[in-house]
Structure formats: C-alpha cells, structure tokens
C-alpha atoms as a PDB file:
ATOM      1  CA  VAL A   1      37.690 -41.725 -21.703  1.00  0.00           C
ATOM      2  CA  ALA A   2      33.917 -41.317 -21.668  1.00  0.00           C
ATOM      3  CA  GLY A   3      34.284 -37.816 -20.218  1.00  0.00           C
ATOM      4  CA  GLU A   4      36.815 -36.826 -22.851  1.00  0.00           C
ATOM      5  CA  ASN A   5      34.566 -38.181 -25.574  1.00  0.00           C
ATOM      6  CA  ALA A   6      31.621 -36.207 -24.182  1.00  0.00           C
ATOM      7  CA  LEU A   7      33.689 -32.992 -24.265  1.00  0.00           C
ATOM      8  CA  ILE A   8      34.788 -33.669 -27.838  1.00  0.00           C
ATOM      9  CA  MET A   9      31.169 -34.208 -28.921  1.00  0.00           C
ATOM     10  CA  LEU A  10      30.061 -31.069 -27.056  1.00  0.00           C
ATOM     11  CA  THR A  11      32.659 -28.916 -28.798  1.00  0.00           C
ATOM     12  CA  TYR A  12      31.865 -30.494 -32.169  1.00  0.00           C
ATOM     13  CA  ASN A  13      28.144 -29.788 -31.791  1.00  0.00           C
ATOM     14  CA  PHE A  14      28.813 -26.275 -30.489  1.00  0.00           C
ATOM     15  CA  ARG A  15      31.011 -25.456 -33.499  1.00  0.00           C
ATOM     16  CA  ARG A  16      28.332 -26.877 -35.754  1.00  0.00           C
ATOM     17  CA  LEU A  17      25.722 -24.658 -34.102  1.00  0.00           C
ATOM     18  CA  LEU A  18      27.904 -21.595 -34.584  1.00  0.00           C
ATOM     19  CA  ASN A  19      28.436 -22.467 -38.241  1.00  0.00           C
ATOM     20  CA  LEU A  20      24.692 -22.831 -38.747  1.00  0.00           C
ATOM     21  CA  ILE A  21      23.423 -19.713 -36.998  1.00  0.00           C
ATOM     22  CA  GLY A  22      26.516 -17.524 -37.017  1.00  0.00           C
ATOM     23  CA  ILE A  23      28.286 -15.813 -34.175  1.00  0.00           C
ATOM     24  CA  THR A  24      26.223 -12.613 -34.385  1.00  0.00           C
ATOM     25  CA  LEU A  25      22.884 -14.362 -33.885  1.00  0.00           C
ATOM     26  CA  PHE A  26      24.382 -16.521 -31.142  1.00  0.00           C
ATOM     27  CA  GLN A  27      25.577 -13.411 -29.306  1.00  0.00           C
ATOM     28  CA  LYS A  28      22.113 -11.864 -29.627  1.00  0.00           C
ATOM     29  CA  LEU A  29      20.564 -15.052 -28.230  1.00  0.00           C
ATOM     30  CA  ILE A  30      22.918 -15.066 -25.234  1.00  0.00           C
ATOM     31  CA  LYS A  31      22.280 -11.382 -24.481  1.00  0.00           C
ATOM     32  CA  ALA A  32      18.531 -11.824 -24.830  1.00  0.00           C
ATOM     33  CA  SER A  33      18.481 -14.881 -22.587  1.00  0.00           C
ATOM     34  CA  LYS A  34      20.484 -13.055 -19.902  1.00  0.00           C
ATOM     35  CA  SER A  35      18.138 -10.088 -19.957  1.00  0.00           C
ATOM     36  CA  GLY A  36      15.011 -12.223 -20.389  1.00  0.00           C
ATOM     37  CA  ASN A  37      13.996 -10.441 -23.603  1.00  0.00           C
ATOM     38  CA  ILE A  38      13.778 -13.364 -25.995  1.00  0.00           C
ATOM     39  CA  GLU A  39      10.688 -11.763 -27.561  1.00  0.00           C
ATOM     40  CA  ASP A  40      12.892  -8.973 -28.936  1.00  0.00           C
ATOM     41  CA  ILE A  41      14.734 -11.297 -31.331  1.00  0.00           C
ATOM     42  CA  LYS A  42      11.986 -13.866 -31.820  1.00  0.00           C
ATOM     43  CA  GLN A  43      11.134 -12.559 -35.310  1.00  0.00           C
ATOM     44  CA  GLU A  44      14.763 -12.687 -36.426  1.00  0.00           C
ATOM     45  CA  ILE A  45      15.082 -16.269 -35.191  1.00  0.00           C
ATOM     46  CA  MET A  46      11.892 -17.321 -36.974  1.00  0.00           C
ATOM     47  CA  GLU A  47      13.081 -15.771 -40.250  1.00  0.00           C
ATOM     48  CA  TYR A  48      16.414 -17.530 -39.946  1.00  0.00           C
ATOM     49  CA  ILE A  49      14.737 -20.886 -39.280  1.00  0.00           C
ATOM     50  CA  ALA A  50      12.453 -20.373 -42.283  1.00  0.00           C
ATOM     51  CA  VAL A  51      15.488 -19.791 -44.517  1.00  0.00           C
ATOM     52  CA  LEU A  52      17.187 -22.933 -43.176  1.00  0.00           C
ATOM     53  CA  VAL A  53      14.064 -25.021 -43.794  1.00  0.00           C
ATOM     54  CA  PHE A  54      13.779 -23.630 -47.320  1.00  0.00           C
ATOM     55  CA  PHE A  55      17.379 -24.479 -48.182  1.00  0.00           C
ATOM     56  CA  LYS A  56      17.078 -27.929 -46.667  1.00  0.00           C
ATOM     57  CA  ALA A  57      13.999 -28.656 -48.792  1.00  0.00           C
ATOM     58  CA  PHE A  58      15.585 -27.063 -51.878  1.00  0.00           C
ATOM     59  CA  PHE A  59      18.748 -29.142 -51.686  1.00  0.00           C
ATOM     60  CA  ARG A  60      16.805 -32.300 -50.908  1.00  0.00           C
ATOM     61  CA  GLN A  61      14.748 -31.705 -54.060  1.00  0.00           C
ATOM     62  CA  LYS A  62      17.885 -30.977 -56.120  1.00  0.00           C
ATOM     63  CA  MET A  63      19.555 -34.165 -54.865  1.00  0.00           C
ATOM     64  CA  SER A  64      16.521 -36.303 -55.640  1.00  0.00           C
ATOM     65  CA  LEU A  65      16.654 -35.125 -59.268  1.00  0.00           C
ATOM     66  CA  TYR A  66      20.098 -36.674 -59.668  1.00  0.00           C
ATOM     67  CA  ILE A  67      19.207 -40.029 -58.140  1.00  0.00           C
END
C-alpha cells in the first residue's frame, strides 16, 4: 500500500509540475539536461520563475485585501 501511495503522489506532483511549467518548457528542460546544455535555456527558466513569483505575490496581495 505504501508503494502504491508513493506512485500516486509521484504522478500527482508530476502532473502539477507540468501544469505549472507547461509541456513545452518541460521538454526543453529534458533535452537540455540530456545534452548538458542547461545554460542555453537558463534565461527562459529565470523569466518563467520571475513571472510565477510575481503572480504569487499579486494574488496574495489581492486575497489579503478581502480578508
């Protein structure tokens, strides 16, 4: 049962990751990690993370206005 639960949690977190970063960026990450050229997409990853941080802060601020 513990093994089945671990697989369920793995697939849940993997689907969550794909929903957050998108399939296209995930494919680029996999290709870059296989070829060892992470530096090629480093800028794109940093821009994406900056957007996620912005939205997280924006929605946190919006929610605190309603409380």
